[in-house]
Every structure is written in C-alpha cells, then in structure tokens.
Amino acid sequence: MQAILERAQPIRLVIFDVDGVLTDGRLILDDRGTEYKAFHSRDGHGMKMLQETGVRIAIITGRSSEVVRHRMASLGIEHVYQGQKDKLVAYQDLKTKLALQSEQIAYVGDDVVDLPVMRQVGLAIAVADAHDWVKQHAHWHTSQPGGHGAARAVCELIMEAQQQLTAKLSEYLGK
C-alpha cells in the first residue's frame, strides 16, 4: 500500500470514466431512447472534497449523455470529454491544457477501452468489478464496484496520500 500512496502523492488531476466507474455500467433506456444513469451520492461528495484540496477532476467517456453533462455540472467539473472513441486524444489535450506530467495524473477505468490512457498515467486505478485484463494493468483497484462508492475510495486514497483526508473529514465534526 505504501507504493500506491507514493504514486498518489503527486496527483494533481484524476480522470474518471463514467459507465462502469461512476455508474454500475448498466445502460437504462426507455421506449423513446431516453437514457438514465444512477450515480452514487457519496462518490459525488468525495469528488467535491477532492476538488477542495486543489486536485482537479476530469471526465473522459466514450458515450455522450445529457445526464452526464448535468451531473458533472452539479459537481463543478469543467473538463468533460464525451463521445471519445479514442480516449488518448482527450487525455493528451487535458495534459497539455493543464500543463501536467503523466506522474501527476490518475485515471480510473473499468474496461479495455480505458487501457490506452491507464498505461500512460502515473496512477492507473481499476474499480473492483473491472474487466480482469484492466485489473492486471492497474496499479491499484478499489474494493468497491463502479457506481457503488469506487470514486469515493479513489478520492479518499489521494487525499490520504496528500495528508488531506483527516482534515477534510474533521470539517464535518463541527468546531
């Protein structure tokens, strides 16, 4: 675990996939084709806390959805790349735009389409129910499945590595 905390210490940007990471991966459609996604509220709160420590969050997803746009806007996430068939293009754009080195970036994925980016970053993370091939190429994997607290675990890991977690959690004990 110490090696993972050392990899997490310099992280300045965490990139999340959506389907299978921030959701449980199911695509729920009604008869008109309207898409529904369920996001875990604790994941969202973890993402807000992490941003408050100065770590940025971005989204790179292969699908496009208004639901994702709304949810990310509600979390204050400004870097949202949807409809990305080649996620490396979005990754390179973010890296350049934010003037970051690979060692300062973490990526959280669940399926083989995430591997090209996961193999570039300083900290590659797979959710608990990720494809086995993805887990084999990740530096760390959560004990929670996608859409069920995995993103919160990632945020807390990074805050712990950067010695921010206790202070962030203590804010909720009152003064």
N, C-alpha and C. Protein backbone atom coordinates (compact mmCIF):
# COMPACT_ATOMS: atom_id res chain seq x y z
N MET A 1 0.82 -1.21 0.00
CA MET A 1 0.00 0.00 0.00
C MET A 1 0.86 1.27 0.00
N GLN A 2 2.03 1.18 0.62
CA GLN A 2 2.91 2.36 0.67
C GLN A 2 3.31 2.81 -0.75
N ALA A 3 3.54 1.87 -1.64
CA ALA A 3 3.91 2.22 -3.02
C ALA A 3 2.77 2.95 -3.71
N ILE A 4 1.54 2.55 -3.43
CA ILE A 4 0.37 3.21 -4.03
C ILE A 4 0.23 4.63 -3.48
N LEU A 5 0.40 4.79 -2.19
CA LEU A 5 0.33 6.13 -1.59
C LEU A 5 1.41 7.04 -2.17
N GLU A 6 2.59 6.48 -2.43
CA GLU A 6 3.66 7.28 -3.04
C GLU A 6 3.29 7.69 -4.47
N ARG A 7 2.62 6.80 -5.21
CA ARG A 7 2.17 7.16 -6.57
C ARG A 7 1.06 8.22 -6.51
N ALA A 8 0.24 8.18 -5.47
CA ALA A 8 -0.89 9.10 -5.34
C ALA A 8 -0.47 10.48 -4.83
N GLN A 9 0.67 10.56 -4.18
CA GLN A 9 1.10 11.83 -3.58
C GLN A 9 1.21 12.98 -4.58
N PRO A 10 1.80 12.80 -5.77
CA PRO A 10 1.93 13.94 -6.69
C PRO A 10 0.70 14.20 -7.59
N ILE A 11 -0.37 13.47 -7.42
CA ILE A 11 -1.53 13.59 -8.32
C ILE A 11 -2.17 14.97 -8.22
N ARG A 12 -2.35 15.60 -9.38
CA ARG A 12 -3.00 16.92 -9.47
C ARG A 12 -4.28 16.86 -10.29
N LEU A 13 -4.49 15.73 -10.99
CA LEU A 13 -5.68 15.54 -11.81
C LEU A 13 -6.10 14.07 -11.74
N VAL A 14 -7.39 13.85 -11.50
CA VAL A 14 -7.95 12.50 -11.56
C VAL A 14 -8.96 12.49 -12.70
N ILE A 15 -8.79 11.56 -13.62
CA ILE A 15 -9.71 11.40 -14.74
C ILE A 15 -10.56 10.16 -14.48
N PHE A 16 -11.87 10.33 -14.57
CA PHE A 16 -12.80 9.22 -14.38
C PHE A 16 -13.48 8.88 -15.69
N ASP A 17 -13.61 7.59 -15.97
CA ASP A 17 -14.56 7.11 -16.97
C ASP A 17 -15.93 7.23 -16.31
N VAL A 18 -17.01 7.09 -17.07
CA VAL A 18 -18.34 7.19 -16.49
C VAL A 18 -18.99 5.82 -16.35
N ASP A 19 -19.39 5.21 -17.47
CA ASP A 19 -20.13 3.95 -17.41
C ASP A 19 -19.24 2.84 -16.86
N GLY A 20 -19.64 2.28 -15.73
CA GLY A 20 -18.88 1.23 -15.09
C GLY A 20 -17.94 1.74 -14.01
N VAL A 21 -17.76 3.05 -13.92
CA VAL A 21 -16.91 3.65 -12.89
C VAL A 21 -17.75 4.56 -12.00
N LEU A 22 -18.35 5.59 -12.58
CA LEU A 22 -19.24 6.47 -11.80
C LEU A 22 -20.67 5.91 -11.77
N THR A 23 -20.95 4.94 -12.62
CA THR A 23 -22.23 4.23 -12.60
C THR A 23 -21.91 2.74 -12.52
N ASP A 24 -22.94 1.93 -12.37
CA ASP A 24 -22.71 0.48 -12.29
C ASP A 24 -22.52 -0.15 -13.67
N GLY A 25 -22.53 0.65 -14.70
CA GLY A 25 -22.27 0.16 -16.05
C GLY A 25 -23.51 -0.21 -16.85
N ARG A 26 -24.65 -0.30 -16.18
CA ARG A 26 -25.87 -0.61 -16.91
C ARG A 26 -26.34 0.61 -17.68
N LEU A 27 -26.85 0.39 -18.88
CA LEU A 27 -27.44 1.46 -19.69
C LEU A 27 -28.94 1.25 -19.66
N ILE A 28 -29.66 2.15 -19.03
CA ILE A 28 -31.10 2.02 -18.88
C ILE A 28 -31.76 2.99 -19.85
N LEU A 29 -32.55 2.46 -20.76
CA LEU A 29 -33.22 3.26 -21.79
C LEU A 29 -34.72 3.02 -21.71
N ASP A 30 -35.50 4.09 -21.94
CA ASP A 30 -36.95 3.89 -22.02
C ASP A 30 -37.35 3.69 -23.48
N ASP A 31 -38.65 3.54 -23.74
CA ASP A 31 -39.13 3.26 -25.09
C ASP A 31 -38.79 4.35 -26.10
N ARG A 32 -38.55 5.56 -25.62
CA ARG A 32 -38.21 6.67 -26.52
C ARG A 32 -36.70 6.83 -26.67
N GLY A 33 -35.95 5.97 -26.01
CA GLY A 33 -34.49 6.05 -26.10
C GLY A 33 -33.86 6.99 -25.09
N THR A 34 -34.65 7.50 -24.16
CA THR A 34 -34.11 8.36 -23.12
C THR A 34 -33.23 7.51 -22.20
N GLU A 35 -32.04 7.99 -21.95
CA GLU A 35 -31.07 7.26 -21.14
C GLU A 35 -31.12 7.71 -19.69
N TYR A 36 -31.02 6.75 -18.79
CA TYR A 36 -30.99 7.01 -17.36
C TYR A 36 -29.71 6.41 -16.78
N LYS A 37 -29.12 7.12 -15.84
CA LYS A 37 -27.93 6.63 -15.15
C LYS A 37 -28.11 6.92 -13.67
N ALA A 38 -27.59 6.03 -12.84
CA ALA A 38 -27.63 6.24 -11.40
C ALA A 38 -26.20 6.50 -10.91
N PHE A 39 -26.04 7.62 -10.22
CA PHE A 39 -24.75 7.99 -9.64
C PHE A 39 -24.86 7.88 -8.13
N HIS A 40 -23.80 7.48 -7.47
CA HIS A 40 -23.80 7.35 -6.02
C HIS A 40 -23.48 8.71 -5.40
N SER A 41 -24.29 9.14 -4.44
CA SER A 41 -24.09 10.46 -3.85
C SER A 41 -22.76 10.57 -3.11
N ARG A 42 -22.30 9.48 -2.49
CA ARG A 42 -21.01 9.55 -1.78
C ARG A 42 -19.85 9.73 -2.75
N ASP A 43 -19.97 9.16 -3.96
CA ASP A 43 -18.94 9.40 -4.97
C ASP A 43 -18.86 10.89 -5.27
N GLY A 44 -20.02 11.49 -5.48
CA GLY A 44 -20.06 12.92 -5.80
C GLY A 44 -19.48 13.77 -4.69
N HIS A 45 -19.80 13.43 -3.45
CA HIS A 45 -19.27 14.21 -2.34
C HIS A 45 -17.75 14.04 -2.22
N GLY A 46 -17.27 12.83 -2.45
CA GLY A 46 -15.82 12.61 -2.46
C GLY A 46 -15.14 13.44 -3.52
N MET A 47 -15.76 13.53 -4.69
CA MET A 47 -15.19 14.32 -5.78
C MET A 47 -15.16 15.80 -5.41
N LYS A 48 -16.20 16.28 -4.74
CA LYS A 48 -16.21 17.69 -4.30
C LYS A 48 -15.11 17.94 -3.27
N MET A 49 -14.98 17.03 -2.31
CA MET A 49 -13.94 17.20 -1.28
C MET A 49 -12.55 17.20 -1.92
N LEU A 50 -12.31 16.29 -2.85
CA LEU A 50 -11.01 16.24 -3.50
C LEU A 50 -10.72 17.53 -4.25
N GLN A 51 -11.70 18.06 -4.94
CA GLN A 51 -11.50 19.33 -5.65
C GLN A 51 -11.17 20.46 -4.68
N GLU A 52 -11.77 20.43 -3.49
CA GLU A 52 -11.49 21.46 -2.49
C GLU A 52 -10.04 21.44 -2.02
N THR A 53 -9.36 20.31 -2.18
CA THR A 53 -7.94 20.22 -1.81
C THR A 53 -7.03 20.71 -2.92
N GLY A 54 -7.60 21.07 -4.06
CA GLY A 54 -6.80 21.58 -5.18
C GLY A 54 -6.54 20.57 -6.28
N VAL A 55 -7.01 19.34 -6.11
CA VAL A 55 -6.86 18.34 -7.16
C VAL A 55 -8.01 18.50 -8.14
N ARG A 56 -7.70 18.57 -9.41
CA ARG A 56 -8.73 18.72 -10.43
C ARG A 56 -9.31 17.37 -10.81
N ILE A 57 -10.52 17.41 -11.35
CA ILE A 57 -11.19 16.20 -11.81
C ILE A 57 -11.64 16.43 -13.25
N ALA A 58 -11.50 15.39 -14.05
CA ALA A 58 -11.96 15.42 -15.44
C ALA A 58 -12.70 14.12 -15.74
N ILE A 59 -13.49 14.17 -16.79
CA ILE A 59 -14.25 13.02 -17.26
C ILE A 59 -13.86 12.76 -18.70
N ILE A 60 -13.57 11.49 -19.01
CA ILE A 60 -13.42 11.08 -20.41
C ILE A 60 -14.28 9.83 -20.58
N THR A 61 -15.29 9.95 -21.44
CA THR A 61 -16.21 8.85 -21.65
C THR A 61 -16.47 8.64 -23.14
N GLY A 62 -16.67 7.41 -23.50
CA GLY A 62 -16.92 7.07 -24.90
C GLY A 62 -18.32 7.41 -25.36
N ARG A 63 -19.26 7.49 -24.45
CA ARG A 63 -20.65 7.80 -24.79
C ARG A 63 -20.92 9.28 -24.54
N SER A 64 -22.00 9.78 -25.12
CA SER A 64 -22.46 11.15 -24.89
C SER A 64 -23.82 11.11 -24.25
N SER A 65 -24.00 11.92 -23.21
CA SER A 65 -25.26 11.89 -22.47
C SER A 65 -25.51 13.22 -21.78
N GLU A 66 -26.72 13.70 -21.88
CA GLU A 66 -27.11 14.91 -21.16
C GLU A 66 -27.07 14.67 -19.66
N VAL A 67 -27.37 13.45 -19.24
CA VAL A 67 -27.34 13.11 -17.83
C VAL A 67 -25.93 13.36 -17.27
N VAL A 68 -24.92 12.94 -18.00
CA VAL A 68 -23.53 13.15 -17.57
C VAL A 68 -23.23 14.64 -17.51
N ARG A 69 -23.65 15.38 -18.51
CA ARG A 69 -23.41 16.83 -18.51
C ARG A 69 -24.02 17.48 -17.27
N HIS A 70 -25.25 17.12 -16.96
CA HIS A 70 -25.93 17.68 -15.79
C HIS A 70 -25.22 17.31 -14.49
N ARG A 71 -24.88 16.03 -14.35
CA ARG A 71 -24.24 15.59 -13.10
C ARG A 71 -22.88 16.24 -12.91
N MET A 72 -22.09 16.32 -13.95
CA MET A 72 -20.76 16.91 -13.81
C MET A 72 -20.86 18.41 -13.54
N ALA A 73 -21.82 19.07 -14.15
CA ALA A 73 -22.03 20.50 -13.86
C ALA A 73 -22.39 20.69 -12.39
N SER A 74 -23.22 19.80 -11.85
CA SER A 74 -23.62 19.92 -10.44
C SER A 74 -22.44 19.69 -9.50
N LEU A 75 -21.42 18.99 -9.96
CA LEU A 75 -20.22 18.74 -9.14
C LEU A 75 -19.12 19.77 -9.41
N GLY A 76 -19.36 20.69 -10.32
CA GLY A 76 -18.36 21.71 -10.63
C GLY A 76 -17.19 21.20 -11.45
N ILE A 77 -17.41 20.13 -12.20
CA ILE A 77 -16.35 19.56 -13.02
C ILE A 77 -16.40 20.21 -14.40
N GLU A 78 -15.36 20.94 -14.75
CA GLU A 78 -15.37 21.69 -16.00
C GLU A 78 -14.78 20.94 -17.19
N HIS A 79 -13.93 19.97 -16.94
CA HIS A 79 -13.28 19.23 -18.03
C HIS A 79 -14.03 17.93 -18.28
N VAL A 80 -14.98 17.99 -19.21
CA VAL A 80 -15.83 16.84 -19.51
C VAL A 80 -15.72 16.53 -21.00
N TYR A 81 -15.16 15.37 -21.31
CA TYR A 81 -14.98 14.93 -22.69
C TYR A 81 -15.91 13.75 -22.93
N GLN A 82 -16.96 13.98 -23.72
CA GLN A 82 -17.92 12.92 -24.04
C GLN A 82 -17.77 12.50 -25.51
N GLY A 83 -18.23 11.31 -25.82
CA GLY A 83 -18.19 10.80 -27.18
C GLY A 83 -16.77 10.54 -27.67
N GLN A 84 -15.88 10.17 -26.76
CA GLN A 84 -14.47 9.98 -27.10
C GLN A 84 -14.20 8.53 -27.48
N LYS A 85 -14.12 8.26 -28.76
CA LYS A 85 -13.80 6.91 -29.22
C LYS A 85 -12.33 6.58 -28.94
N ASP A 86 -11.46 7.58 -29.06
CA ASP A 86 -10.05 7.42 -28.74
C ASP A 86 -9.76 8.31 -27.53
N LYS A 87 -9.75 7.72 -26.37
CA LYS A 87 -9.61 8.48 -25.14
C LYS A 87 -8.22 9.11 -24.99
N LEU A 88 -7.25 8.58 -25.70
CA LEU A 88 -5.90 9.16 -25.64
C LEU A 88 -5.87 10.59 -26.17
N VAL A 89 -6.70 10.90 -27.15
CA VAL A 89 -6.75 12.25 -27.70
C VAL A 89 -7.19 13.23 -26.62
N ALA A 90 -8.25 12.88 -25.89
CA ALA A 90 -8.74 13.74 -24.81
C ALA A 90 -7.70 13.84 -23.69
N TYR A 91 -7.05 12.72 -23.37
CA TYR A 91 -6.01 12.70 -22.33
C TYR A 91 -4.88 13.67 -22.70
N GLN A 92 -4.39 13.59 -23.93
CA GLN A 92 -3.31 14.46 -24.37
C GLN A 92 -3.73 15.93 -24.33
N ASP A 93 -4.98 16.20 -24.71
CA ASP A 93 -5.50 17.56 -24.65
C ASP A 93 -5.50 18.09 -23.22
N LEU A 94 -5.98 17.27 -22.29
CA LEU A 94 -6.00 17.67 -20.88
C LEU A 94 -4.59 17.90 -20.35
N LYS A 95 -3.72 16.99 -20.65
CA LYS A 95 -2.33 17.07 -20.18
C LYS A 95 -1.68 18.38 -20.65
N THR A 96 -1.91 18.72 -21.91
CA THR A 96 -1.36 19.96 -22.47
C THR A 96 -2.04 21.19 -21.87
N LYS A 97 -3.37 21.16 -21.87
CA LYS A 97 -4.16 22.29 -21.38
C LYS A 97 -3.83 22.63 -19.92
N LEU A 98 -3.63 21.61 -19.09
CA LEU A 98 -3.38 21.83 -17.67
C LEU A 98 -1.89 21.81 -17.32
N ALA A 99 -1.04 21.66 -18.34
CA ALA A 99 0.43 21.67 -18.17
C ALA A 99 0.87 20.68 -17.08
N LEU A 100 0.44 19.42 -17.23
CA LEU A 100 0.76 18.38 -16.26
C LEU A 100 1.66 17.32 -16.88
N GLN A 101 2.41 16.65 -16.03
CA GLN A 101 3.19 15.49 -16.42
C GLN A 101 2.36 14.24 -16.13
N SER A 102 2.66 13.15 -16.79
CA SER A 102 1.92 11.90 -16.60
C SER A 102 1.88 11.47 -15.14
N GLU A 103 2.98 11.67 -14.40
CA GLU A 103 3.06 11.27 -13.00
C GLU A 103 2.09 12.03 -12.11
N GLN A 104 1.56 13.14 -12.61
CA GLN A 104 0.62 13.96 -11.84
C GLN A 104 -0.84 13.62 -12.15
N ILE A 105 -1.05 12.60 -12.95
CA ILE A 105 -2.40 12.26 -13.40
C ILE A 105 -2.75 10.83 -13.00
N ALA A 106 -3.98 10.67 -12.50
CA ALA A 106 -4.54 9.35 -12.21
C ALA A 106 -5.72 9.13 -13.15
N TYR A 107 -5.96 7.88 -13.50
CA TYR A 107 -7.09 7.54 -14.35
C TYR A 107 -7.82 6.36 -13.72
N VAL A 108 -9.15 6.43 -13.69
CA VAL A 108 -9.97 5.37 -13.13
C VAL A 108 -10.84 4.78 -14.22
N GLY A 109 -10.66 3.48 -14.48
CA GLY A 109 -11.40 2.82 -15.55
C GLY A 109 -11.92 1.46 -15.15
N ASP A 110 -12.64 0.85 -16.09
CA ASP A 110 -13.24 -0.47 -15.81
C ASP A 110 -13.16 -1.43 -16.99
N ASP A 111 -12.90 -0.94 -18.19
CA ASP A 111 -12.94 -1.82 -19.35
C ASP A 111 -11.73 -1.58 -20.25
N VAL A 112 -11.57 -2.45 -21.23
CA VAL A 112 -10.37 -2.42 -22.07
C VAL A 112 -10.20 -1.11 -22.84
N VAL A 113 -11.28 -0.40 -23.12
CA VAL A 113 -11.16 0.89 -23.82
C VAL A 113 -10.42 1.92 -22.98
N ASP A 114 -10.30 1.67 -21.68
CA ASP A 114 -9.59 2.59 -20.78
C ASP A 114 -8.09 2.33 -20.72
N LEU A 115 -7.66 1.16 -21.19
CA LEU A 115 -6.26 0.77 -21.07
C LEU A 115 -5.26 1.72 -21.75
N PRO A 116 -5.54 2.23 -22.94
CA PRO A 116 -4.54 3.13 -23.55
C PRO A 116 -4.18 4.32 -22.65
N VAL A 117 -5.17 4.90 -21.98
CA VAL A 117 -4.87 6.01 -21.07
C VAL A 117 -4.26 5.48 -19.78
N MET A 118 -4.80 4.41 -19.24
CA MET A 118 -4.29 3.86 -17.98
C MET A 118 -2.80 3.54 -18.08
N ARG A 119 -2.34 3.16 -19.26
CA ARG A 119 -0.93 2.81 -19.43
C ARG A 119 -0.02 4.04 -19.54
N GLN A 120 -0.62 5.23 -19.60
CA GLN A 120 0.15 6.47 -19.73
C GLN A 120 0.31 7.21 -18.40
N VAL A 121 -0.61 7.03 -17.48
CA VAL A 121 -0.69 7.87 -16.27
C VAL A 121 0.20 7.37 -15.14
N GLY A 122 0.40 8.24 -14.17
CA GLY A 122 1.20 7.91 -13.00
C GLY A 122 0.50 6.96 -12.05
N LEU A 123 -0.83 6.99 -12.02
CA LEU A 123 -1.61 6.12 -11.14
C LEU A 123 -2.83 5.62 -11.90
N ALA A 124 -2.79 4.35 -12.29
CA ALA A 124 -3.90 3.71 -13.00
C ALA A 124 -4.71 2.91 -11.99
N ILE A 125 -6.02 3.18 -11.96
CA ILE A 125 -6.89 2.54 -10.97
C ILE A 125 -8.04 1.84 -11.69
N ALA A 126 -8.32 0.63 -11.24
CA ALA A 126 -9.48 -0.13 -11.75
C ALA A 126 -10.48 -0.27 -10.61
N VAL A 127 -11.77 -0.20 -10.95
CA VAL A 127 -12.81 -0.45 -9.95
C VAL A 127 -12.87 -1.95 -9.68
N ALA A 128 -13.47 -2.35 -8.57
CA ALA A 128 -13.48 -3.75 -8.14
C ALA A 128 -14.05 -4.71 -9.17
N ASP A 129 -15.06 -4.27 -9.90
CA ASP A 129 -15.71 -5.15 -10.88
C ASP A 129 -15.23 -4.88 -12.30
N ALA A 130 -14.05 -4.32 -12.43
CA ALA A 130 -13.46 -4.06 -13.76
C ALA A 130 -13.15 -5.39 -14.44
N HIS A 131 -13.01 -5.31 -15.74
CA HIS A 131 -12.58 -6.46 -16.53
C HIS A 131 -11.23 -6.93 -15.98
N ASP A 132 -11.03 -8.24 -15.92
CA ASP A 132 -9.79 -8.80 -15.36
C ASP A 132 -8.54 -8.24 -16.03
N TRP A 133 -8.57 -8.05 -17.33
CA TRP A 133 -7.42 -7.52 -18.06
C TRP A 133 -7.07 -6.11 -17.57
N VAL A 134 -8.10 -5.32 -17.27
CA VAL A 134 -7.88 -3.96 -16.77
C VAL A 134 -7.26 -4.02 -15.38
N LYS A 135 -7.76 -4.91 -14.53
CA LYS A 135 -7.20 -5.05 -13.19
C LYS A 135 -5.71 -5.44 -13.25
N GLN A 136 -5.37 -6.29 -14.21
CA GLN A 136 -3.98 -6.73 -14.34
C GLN A 136 -3.05 -5.58 -14.70
N HIS A 137 -3.57 -4.57 -15.38
CA HIS A 137 -2.74 -3.44 -15.82
C HIS A 137 -2.88 -2.21 -14.93
N ALA A 138 -3.64 -2.32 -13.86
CA ALA A 138 -3.83 -1.19 -12.93
C ALA A 138 -2.78 -1.26 -11.82
N HIS A 139 -2.42 -0.09 -11.31
CA HIS A 139 -1.54 -0.04 -10.16
C HIS A 139 -2.29 -0.43 -8.89
N TRP A 140 -3.58 -0.10 -8.85
CA TRP A 140 -4.41 -0.33 -7.66
C TRP A 140 -5.83 -0.55 -8.12
N HIS A 141 -6.61 -1.28 -7.36
CA HIS A 141 -8.04 -1.34 -7.64
C HIS A 141 -8.83 -1.19 -6.36
N THR A 142 -9.98 -0.58 -6.48
CA THR A 142 -10.84 -0.31 -5.34
C THR A 142 -11.47 -1.61 -4.85
N SER A 143 -11.97 -1.59 -3.63
CA SER A 143 -12.73 -2.74 -3.14
C SER A 143 -14.21 -2.57 -3.45
N GLN A 144 -14.61 -1.39 -3.92
CA GLN A 144 -15.99 -1.11 -4.29
C GLN A 144 -16.16 -1.21 -5.80
N PRO A 145 -17.31 -1.74 -6.23
CA PRO A 145 -17.58 -1.77 -7.68
C PRO A 145 -17.95 -0.39 -8.21
N GLY A 146 -17.89 -0.24 -9.50
CA GLY A 146 -18.28 1.01 -10.14
C GLY A 146 -19.71 1.40 -9.79
N GLY A 147 -19.91 2.68 -9.52
CA GLY A 147 -21.24 3.19 -9.19
C GLY A 147 -21.67 2.92 -7.77
N HIS A 148 -20.81 2.32 -6.97
CA HIS A 148 -21.15 1.97 -5.59
C HIS A 148 -20.07 2.39 -4.60
N GLY A 149 -19.52 3.57 -4.81
CA GLY A 149 -18.53 4.09 -3.88
C GLY A 149 -17.09 3.98 -4.33
N ALA A 150 -16.85 3.47 -5.53
CA ALA A 150 -15.47 3.33 -6.02
C ALA A 150 -14.80 4.70 -6.18
N ALA A 151 -15.52 5.68 -6.71
CA ALA A 151 -14.93 7.01 -6.90
C ALA A 151 -14.59 7.65 -5.56
N ARG A 152 -15.43 7.43 -4.55
CA ARG A 152 -15.15 7.98 -3.22
C ARG A 152 -13.86 7.37 -2.68
N ALA A 153 -13.68 6.06 -2.87
CA ALA A 153 -12.47 5.39 -2.41
C ALA A 153 -11.23 5.98 -3.07
N VAL A 154 -11.32 6.27 -4.36
CA VAL A 154 -10.21 6.88 -5.09
C VAL A 154 -9.90 8.26 -4.51
N CYS A 155 -10.92 9.06 -4.32
CA CYS A 155 -10.73 10.41 -3.79
C CYS A 155 -10.09 10.37 -2.40
N GLU A 156 -10.58 9.46 -1.56
CA GLU A 156 -10.02 9.37 -0.22
C GLU A 156 -8.59 8.85 -0.23
N LEU A 157 -8.27 7.93 -1.13
CA LEU A 157 -6.89 7.45 -1.26
C LEU A 157 -5.95 8.61 -1.57
N ILE A 158 -6.35 9.44 -2.53
CA ILE A 158 -5.49 10.55 -2.93
C ILE A 158 -5.38 11.58 -1.81
N MET A 159 -6.50 11.87 -1.15
CA MET A 159 -6.44 12.81 -0.02
C MET A 159 -5.56 12.26 1.11
N GLU A 160 -5.65 10.96 1.36
CA GLU A 160 -4.80 10.34 2.38
C GLU A 160 -3.32 10.47 2.00
N ALA A 161 -2.99 10.16 0.76
CA ALA A 161 -1.61 10.24 0.30
C ALA A 161 -1.06 11.66 0.41
N GLN A 162 -1.93 12.64 0.24
CA GLN A 162 -1.52 14.04 0.27
C GLN A 162 -1.76 14.67 1.64
N GLN A 163 -2.03 13.83 2.63
CA GLN A 163 -2.24 14.24 4.02
C GLN A 163 -3.34 15.28 4.16
N GLN A 164 -4.43 15.08 3.41
CA GLN A 164 -5.58 15.98 3.45
C GLN A 164 -6.84 15.32 4.00
N LEU A 165 -6.86 13.99 4.06
CA LEU A 165 -8.10 13.27 4.38
C LEU A 165 -8.61 13.57 5.79
N THR A 166 -7.76 13.48 6.79
CA THR A 166 -8.21 13.70 8.16
C THR A 166 -8.78 15.11 8.32
N ALA A 167 -8.11 16.09 7.76
CA ALA A 167 -8.59 17.48 7.85
C ALA A 167 -9.94 17.64 7.16
N LYS A 168 -10.10 17.04 5.96
CA LYS A 168 -11.37 17.16 5.23
C LYS A 168 -12.50 16.50 6.01
N LEU A 169 -12.25 15.31 6.54
CA LEU A 169 -13.30 14.62 7.29
C LEU A 169 -13.61 15.33 8.61
N SER A 170 -12.58 15.90 9.24
CA SER A 170 -12.78 16.60 10.52
C SER A 170 -13.67 17.82 10.39
N GLU A 171 -13.74 18.40 9.19
CA GLU A 171 -14.61 19.55 8.97
C GLU A 171 -16.07 19.23 9.31
N TYR A 172 -16.44 17.96 9.24
CA TYR A 172 -17.82 17.57 9.48
C TYR A 172 -18.11 17.27 10.95
N LEU A 173 -17.11 17.40 11.81
CA LEU A 173 -17.32 17.19 13.24
C LEU A 173 -17.71 18.48 13.94
N GLY A 174 -17.68 19.58 13.21
CA GLY A 174 -18.03 20.88 13.79
C GLY A 174 -16.82 21.50 14.46
N LYS A 175 -17.02 22.69 14.93
CA LYS A 175 -15.89 23.43 15.53
C LYS A 175 -16.01 23.49 17.02
